[in-house]
PDB file of all heavy atoms in Angstrom:
ATOM      1  N   ALA A   1       0.801  -1.229   0.000  1.00  0.00           N
ATOM      2  CA  ALA A   1       0.000   0.000   0.000  1.00  0.00           C
ATOM      3  C   ALA A   1       0.833   1.280   0.000  1.00  0.00           C
ATOM      4  O   ALA A   1       0.534   2.218  -0.768  1.00  0.00           O
ATOM      5  CB  ALA A   1      -0.963  -0.022   1.185  1.00  0.00           C
ATOM      6  N   PRO A   2       1.896   1.398   0.825  1.00  0.00           N
ATOM      7  CA  PRO A   2       2.662   2.658   0.830  1.00  0.00           C
ATOM      8  C   PRO A   2       3.329   2.993  -0.498  1.00  0.00           C
ATOM      9  O   PRO A   2       3.680   4.154  -0.734  1.00  0.00           O
ATOM     10  CB  PRO A   2       3.724   2.415   1.922  1.00  0.00           C
ATOM     11  CG  PRO A   2       3.162   1.334   2.779  1.00  0.00           C
ATOM     12  CD  PRO A   2       2.373   0.475   1.862  1.00  0.00           C
ATOM     13  N   PHE A   3       3.492   2.045  -1.361  1.00  0.00           N
ATOM     14  CA  PHE A   3       4.189   2.294  -2.628  1.00  0.00           C
ATOM     15  C   PHE A   3       3.276   2.929  -3.673  1.00  0.00           C
ATOM     16  O   PHE A   3       3.750   3.271  -4.762  1.00  0.00           O
ATOM     17  CB  PHE A   3       4.796   0.986  -3.156  1.00  0.00           C
ATOM     18  CG  PHE A   3       6.026   0.553  -2.411  1.00  0.00           C
ATOM     19  CD1 PHE A   3       5.926  -0.261  -1.287  1.00  0.00           C
ATOM     20  CD2 PHE A   3       7.284   0.984  -2.805  1.00  0.00           C
ATOM     21  CE1 PHE A   3       7.045  -0.655  -0.591  1.00  0.00           C
ATOM     22  CE2 PHE A   3       8.410   0.596  -2.116  1.00  0.00           C
ATOM     23  CZ  PHE A   3       8.299  -0.221  -0.996  1.00  0.00           C
ATOM     24  N   GLU A   4       1.982   3.074  -3.363  1.00  0.00           N
ATOM     25  CA  GLU A   4       1.108   3.856  -4.247  1.00  0.00           C
ATOM     26  C   GLU A   4       1.597   5.290  -4.319  1.00  0.00           C
ATOM     27  O   GLU A   4       1.644   5.901  -5.394  1.00  0.00           O
ATOM     28  CB  GLU A   4      -0.332   3.793  -3.748  1.00  0.00           C
ATOM     29  CG  GLU A   4      -1.004   2.425  -3.874  1.00  0.00           C
ATOM     30  CD  GLU A   4      -1.416   2.125  -5.296  1.00  0.00           C
ATOM     31  OE1 GLU A   4      -1.221   2.981  -6.181  1.00  0.00           O
ATOM     32  OE2 GLU A   4      -1.930   1.003  -5.537  1.00  0.00           O
ATOM     33  N   ALA A   5       1.966   5.825  -3.155  1.00  0.00           N
ATOM     34  CA  ALA A   5       2.484   7.202  -3.108  1.00  0.00           C
ATOM     35  C   ALA A   5       3.825   7.307  -3.811  1.00  0.00           C
ATOM     36  O   ALA A   5       4.122   8.296  -4.501  1.00  0.00           O
ATOM     37  CB  ALA A   5       2.603   7.651  -1.658  1.00  0.00           C
ATOM     38  N   VAL A   6       4.670   6.271  -3.648  1.00  0.00           N
ATOM     39  CA  VAL A   6       5.969   6.261  -4.325  1.00  0.00           C
ATOM     40  C   VAL A   6       5.763   6.284  -5.833  1.00  0.00           C
ATOM     41  O   VAL A   6       6.459   7.005  -6.564  1.00  0.00           O
ATOM     42  CB  VAL A   6       6.780   5.017  -3.902  1.00  0.00           C
ATOM     43  CG1 VAL A   6       8.085   4.955  -4.677  1.00  0.00           C
ATOM     44  CG2 VAL A   6       7.058   5.042  -2.407  1.00  0.00           C
ATOM     45  N   ALA A   7       4.795   5.514  -6.323  1.00  0.00           N
ATOM     46  CA  ALA A   7       4.515   5.463  -7.754  1.00  0.00           C
ATOM     47  C   ALA A   7       4.081   6.830  -8.283  1.00  0.00           C
ATOM     48  O   ALA A   7       4.547   7.270  -9.342  1.00  0.00           O
ATOM     49  CB  ALA A   7       3.438   4.413  -8.035  1.00  0.00           C
ATOM     50  N   GLN A   8       3.207   7.513  -7.538  1.00  0.00           N
ATOM     51  CA  GLN A   8       2.744   8.826  -7.974  1.00  0.00           C
ATOM     52  C   GLN A   8       3.877   9.845  -7.989  1.00  0.00           C
ATOM     53  O   GLN A   8       3.998  10.663  -8.902  1.00  0.00           O
ATOM     54  CB  GLN A   8       1.614   9.304  -7.067  1.00  0.00           C
ATOM     55  CG  GLN A   8       0.346   8.467  -7.193  1.00  0.00           C
ATOM     56  CD  GLN A   8      -0.760   8.976  -6.295  1.00  0.00           C
ATOM     57  OE1 GLN A   8      -0.621  10.008  -5.624  1.00  0.00           O
ATOM     58  NE2 GLN A   8      -1.878   8.243  -6.261  1.00  0.00           N
ATOM     59  N   SER A   9       4.735   9.798  -6.964  1.00  0.00           N
ATOM     60  CA  SER A   9       5.835  10.764  -6.877  1.00  0.00           C
ATOM     61  C   SER A   9       6.869  10.549  -7.982  1.00  0.00           C
ATOM     62  O   SER A   9       7.545  11.498  -8.389  1.00  0.00           O
ATOM     63  CB  SER A   9       6.522  10.667  -5.516  1.00  0.00           C
ATOM     64  OG  SER A   9       7.144   9.396  -5.355  1.00  0.00           O
ATOM     65  N   GLN A  10       6.987   9.331  -8.491  1.00  0.00           N
ATOM     66  CA  GLN A  10       7.962   9.044  -9.539  1.00  0.00           C
ATOM     67  C   GLN A  10       7.327   8.978 -10.925  1.00  0.00           C
ATOM     68  O   GLN A  10       7.985   8.576 -11.883  1.00  0.00           O
ATOM     69  CB  GLN A  10       8.676   7.718  -9.234  1.00  0.00           C
ATOM     70  CG  GLN A  10       9.504   7.741  -7.963  1.00  0.00           C
ATOM     71  CD  GLN A  10      10.264   6.439  -7.738  1.00  0.00           C
ATOM     72  OE1 GLN A  10      10.350   5.592  -8.627  1.00  0.00           O
ATOM     73  NE2 GLN A  10      10.840   6.277  -6.551  1.00  0.00           N
ATOM     74  N   ASN A  11       6.062   9.346 -11.024  1.00  0.00           N
ATOM     75  CA  ASN A  11       5.348   9.315 -12.303  1.00  0.00           C
ATOM     76  C   ASN A  11       5.338   7.901 -12.894  1.00  0.00           C
ATOM     77  O   ASN A  11       5.589   7.695 -14.081  1.00  0.00           O
ATOM     78  CB  ASN A  11       5.976  10.314 -13.289  1.00  0.00           C
ATOM     79  CG  ASN A  11       5.077  10.558 -14.498  1.00  0.00           C
ATOM     80  OD1 ASN A  11       3.858  10.331 -14.436  1.00  0.00           O
ATOM     81  ND2 ASN A  11       5.660  11.023 -15.593  1.00  0.00           N
ATOM     82  N   LYS A  12       5.042   6.934 -12.043  1.00  0.00           N
ATOM     83  CA  LYS A  12       4.964   5.530 -12.451  1.00  0.00           C
ATOM     84  C   LYS A  12       3.642   4.950 -11.976  1.00  0.00           C
ATOM     85  O   LYS A  12       2.874   5.604 -11.273  1.00  0.00           O
ATOM     86  CB  LYS A  12       6.151   4.735 -11.881  1.00  0.00           C
ATOM     87  CG  LYS A  12       7.518   5.247 -12.344  1.00  0.00           C
ATOM     88  CD  LYS A  12       8.657   4.504 -11.664  1.00  0.00           C
ATOM     89  CE  LYS A  12      10.006   5.100 -12.064  1.00  0.00           C
ATOM     90  NZ  LYS A  12      11.148   4.432 -11.397  1.00  0.00           N
ATOM     91  N   ARG A  13       3.374   3.699 -12.325  1.00  0.00           N
ATOM     92  CA  ARG A  13       2.127   3.058 -11.939  1.00  0.00           C
ATOM     93  C   ARG A  13       2.427   1.767 -11.170  1.00  0.00           C
ATOM     94  O   ARG A  13       3.391   1.062 -11.482  1.00  0.00           O
ATOM     95  CB  ARG A  13       1.280   2.709 -13.169  1.00  0.00           C
ATOM     96  CG  ARG A  13       0.897   3.918 -14.003  1.00  0.00           C
ATOM     97  CD  ARG A  13      -0.033   3.527 -15.162  1.00  0.00           C
ATOM     98  NE  ARG A  13       0.543   2.508 -16.010  1.00  0.00           N
ATOM     99  CZ  ARG A  13       1.406   2.752 -16.993  1.00  0.00           C
ATOM    100  NH1 ARG A  13       1.795   4.011 -17.238  1.00  0.00           N
ATOM    101  NH2 ARG A  13       1.875   1.766 -17.738  1.00  0.00           N
ATOM    102  N   LEU A  14       1.588   1.498 -10.194  1.00  0.00           N
ATOM    103  CA  LEU A  14       1.694   0.263  -9.419  1.00  0.00           C
ATOM    104  C   LEU A  14       0.420  -0.549  -9.628  1.00  0.00           C
ATOM    105  O   LEU A  14      -0.682  -0.073  -9.363  1.00  0.00           O
ATOM    106  CB  LEU A  14       1.896   0.543  -7.923  1.00  0.00           C
ATOM    107  CG  LEU A  14       1.886  -0.696  -7.007  1.00  0.00           C
ATOM    108  CD1 LEU A  14       3.030  -1.640  -7.366  1.00  0.00           C
ATOM    109  CD2 LEU A  14       1.957  -0.289  -5.545  1.00  0.00           C
ATOM    110  N   SER A  15       0.588  -1.763 -10.126  1.00  0.00           N
ATOM    111  CA  SER A  15      -0.546  -2.659 -10.355  1.00  0.00           C
ATOM    112  C   SER A  15      -0.428  -3.852  -9.414  1.00  0.00           C
ATOM    113  O   SER A  15       0.571  -4.574  -9.441  1.00  0.00           O
ATOM    114  CB  SER A  15      -0.543  -3.144 -11.816  1.00  0.00           C
ATOM    115  OG  SER A  15      -1.505  -4.151 -12.016  1.00  0.00           O
ATOM    116  N   CYS A  16      -1.446  -4.042  -8.570  1.00  0.00           N
ATOM    117  CA  CYS A  16      -1.439  -5.138  -7.605  1.00  0.00           C
ATOM    118  C   CYS A  16      -2.602  -6.090  -7.888  1.00  0.00           C
ATOM    119  O   CYS A  16      -3.752  -5.653  -7.995  1.00  0.00           O
ATOM    120  CB  CYS A  16      -1.549  -4.619  -6.175  1.00  0.00           C
ATOM    121  SG  CYS A  16      -0.094  -3.694  -5.625  1.00  0.00           S
ATOM    122  N   SER A  17      -2.299  -7.365  -7.995  1.00  0.00           N
ATOM    123  CA  SER A  17      -3.320  -8.402  -8.149  1.00  0.00           C
ATOM    124  C   SER A  17      -3.065  -9.446  -7.066  1.00  0.00           C
ATOM    125  O   SER A  17      -2.180 -10.299  -7.208  1.00  0.00           O
ATOM    126  CB  SER A  17      -3.236  -9.037  -9.550  1.00  0.00           C
ATOM    127  OG  SER A  17      -4.166 -10.095  -9.669  1.00  0.00           O
ATOM    128  N   ILE A  18      -3.830  -9.354  -5.984  1.00  0.00           N
ATOM    129  CA  ILE A  18      -3.592 -10.193  -4.807  1.00  0.00           C
ATOM    130  C   ILE A  18      -4.825 -11.051  -4.551  1.00  0.00           C
ATOM    131  O   ILE A  18      -5.919 -10.527  -4.322  1.00  0.00           O
ATOM    132  CB  ILE A  18      -3.283  -9.323  -3.573  1.00  0.00           C
ATOM    133  CG1 ILE A  18      -2.037  -8.470  -3.839  1.00  0.00           C
ATOM    134  CG2 ILE A  18      -3.076 -10.200  -2.339  1.00  0.00           C
ATOM    135  CD1 ILE A  18      -1.753  -7.445  -2.767  1.00  0.00           C
ATOM    136  N   GLN A  19      -4.647 -12.352  -4.644  1.00  0.00           N
ATOM    137  CA  GLN A  19      -5.745 -13.275  -4.369  1.00  0.00           C
ATOM    138  C   GLN A  19      -6.071 -13.238  -2.881  1.00  0.00           C
ATOM    139  O   GLN A  19      -5.185 -13.452  -2.041  1.00  0.00           O
ATOM    140  CB  GLN A  19      -5.369 -14.696  -4.794  1.00  0.00           C
ATOM    141  CG  GLN A  19      -6.493 -15.709  -4.629  1.00  0.00           C
ATOM    142  CD  GLN A  19      -6.103 -17.090  -5.145  1.00  0.00           C
ATOM    143  OE1 GLN A  19      -5.201 -17.208  -5.978  1.00  0.00           O
ATOM    144  NE2 GLN A  19      -6.763 -18.123  -4.661  1.00  0.00           N
ATOM    145  N   PRO A  20      -7.320 -12.953  -2.505  1.00  0.00           N
ATOM    146  CA  PRO A  20      -7.659 -12.802  -1.090  1.00  0.00           C
ATOM    147  C   PRO A  20      -7.718 -14.133  -0.341  1.00  0.00           C
ATOM    148  O   PRO A  20      -7.774 -15.200  -0.949  1.00  0.00           O
ATOM    149  CB  PRO A  20      -9.043 -12.142  -1.131  1.00  0.00           C
ATOM    150  CG  PRO A  20      -9.630 -12.598  -2.428  1.00  0.00           C
ATOM    151  CD  PRO A  20      -8.474 -12.711  -3.387  1.00  0.00           C
ATOM    152  N   MET A  21      -7.674 -14.036   0.979  1.00  0.00           N
ATOM    153  CA  MET A  21      -7.897 -15.150   1.897  1.00  0.00           C
ATOM    154  C   MET A  21      -6.841 -16.254   1.792  1.00  0.00           C
ATOM    155  O   MET A  21      -7.089 -17.405   2.123  1.00  0.00           O
ATOM    156  CB  MET A  21      -9.278 -15.765   1.674  1.00  0.00           C
ATOM    157  CG  MET A  21     -10.434 -14.782   1.760  1.00  0.00           C
ATOM    158  SD  MET A  21     -10.558 -13.997   3.379  1.00  0.00           S
ATOM    159  CE  MET A  21     -11.053 -15.393   4.380  1.00  0.00           C
ATOM    160  N   LEU A  22      -5.632 -15.898   1.360  1.00  0.00           N
ATOM    161  CA  LEU A  22      -4.550 -16.882   1.342  1.00  0.00           C
ATOM    162  C   LEU A  22      -3.745 -16.773   2.627  1.00  0.00           C
ATOM    163  O   LEU A  22      -3.455 -15.664   3.090  1.00  0.00           O
ATOM    164  CB  LEU A  22      -3.629 -16.665   0.139  1.00  0.00           C
ATOM    165  CG  LEU A  22      -4.250 -16.860  -1.240  1.00  0.00           C
ATOM    166  CD1 LEU A  22      -3.205 -16.647  -2.317  1.00  0.00           C
ATOM    167  CD2 LEU A  22      -4.883 -18.239  -1.370  1.00  0.00           C
ATOM    168  N   SER A  23      -3.397 -17.896   3.200  1.00  0.00           N
ATOM    169  CA  SER A  23      -2.640 -17.900   4.452  1.00  0.00           C
ATOM    170  C   SER A  23      -1.478 -18.871   4.346  1.00  0.00           C
ATOM    171  O   SER A  23      -1.475 -19.776   3.513  1.00  0.00           O
ATOM    172  CB  SER A  23      -3.539 -18.289   5.626  1.00  0.00           C
ATOM    173  OG  SER A  23      -4.091 -19.578   5.433  1.00  0.00           O
ATOM    174  N   GLY A  24      -0.486 -18.676   5.201  1.00  0.00           N
ATOM    175  CA  GLY A  24       0.684 -19.539   5.213  1.00  0.00           C
ATOM    176  C   GLY A  24       1.504 -19.307   6.456  1.00  0.00           C
ATOM    177  O   GLY A  24       1.297 -18.321   7.188  1.00  0.00           O
ATOM    178  N   LYS A  25       2.437 -20.183   6.721  1.00  0.00           N
ATOM    179  CA  LYS A  25       3.288 -20.061   7.900  1.00  0.00           C
ATOM    180  C   LYS A  25       4.461 -19.135   7.610  1.00  0.00           C
ATOM    181  O   LYS A  25       5.030 -19.167   6.529  1.00  0.00           O
ATOM    182  CB  LYS A  25       3.806 -21.439   8.320  1.00  0.00           C
ATOM    183  CG  LYS A  25       2.752 -22.346   8.923  1.00  0.00           C
ATOM    184  CD  LYS A  25       3.377 -23.626   9.434  1.00  0.00           C
ATOM    185  CE  LYS A  25       2.336 -24.506  10.124  1.00  0.00           C
ATOM    186  NZ  LYS A  25       2.943 -25.758  10.652  1.00  0.00           N
ATOM    187  N   GLY A  26       4.825 -18.321   8.601  1.00  0.00           N
ATOM    188  CA  GLY A  26       5.963 -17.435   8.419  1.00  0.00           C
ATOM    189  C   GLY A  26       5.998 -16.326   9.438  1.00  0.00           C
ATOM    190  O   GLY A  26       5.220 -16.284  10.398  1.00  0.00           O
ATOM    191  N   ASN A  27       6.913 -15.396   9.209  1.00  0.00           N
ATOM    192  CA  ASN A  27       7.100 -14.226  10.064  1.00  0.00           C
ATOM    193  C   ASN A  27       6.530 -13.012   9.337  1.00  0.00           C
ATOM    194  O   ASN A  27       7.057 -12.606   8.301  1.00  0.00           O
ATOM    195  CB  ASN A  27       8.586 -14.033  10.361  1.00  0.00           C
ATOM    196  CG  ASN A  27       8.837 -12.941  11.379  1.00  0.00           C
ATOM    197  OD1 ASN A  27       8.205 -11.897  11.343  1.00  0.00           O
ATOM    198  ND2 ASN A  27       9.769 -13.187  12.283  1.00  0.00           N
TER     199      ASN A  27
END
């Protein structure tokens, strides 16, 4: 999410496609 602002400040685009409700083990 914070990189949306980075994209706007650098005149670039951020495209995110995240499949919801996925879980896994980790930190």
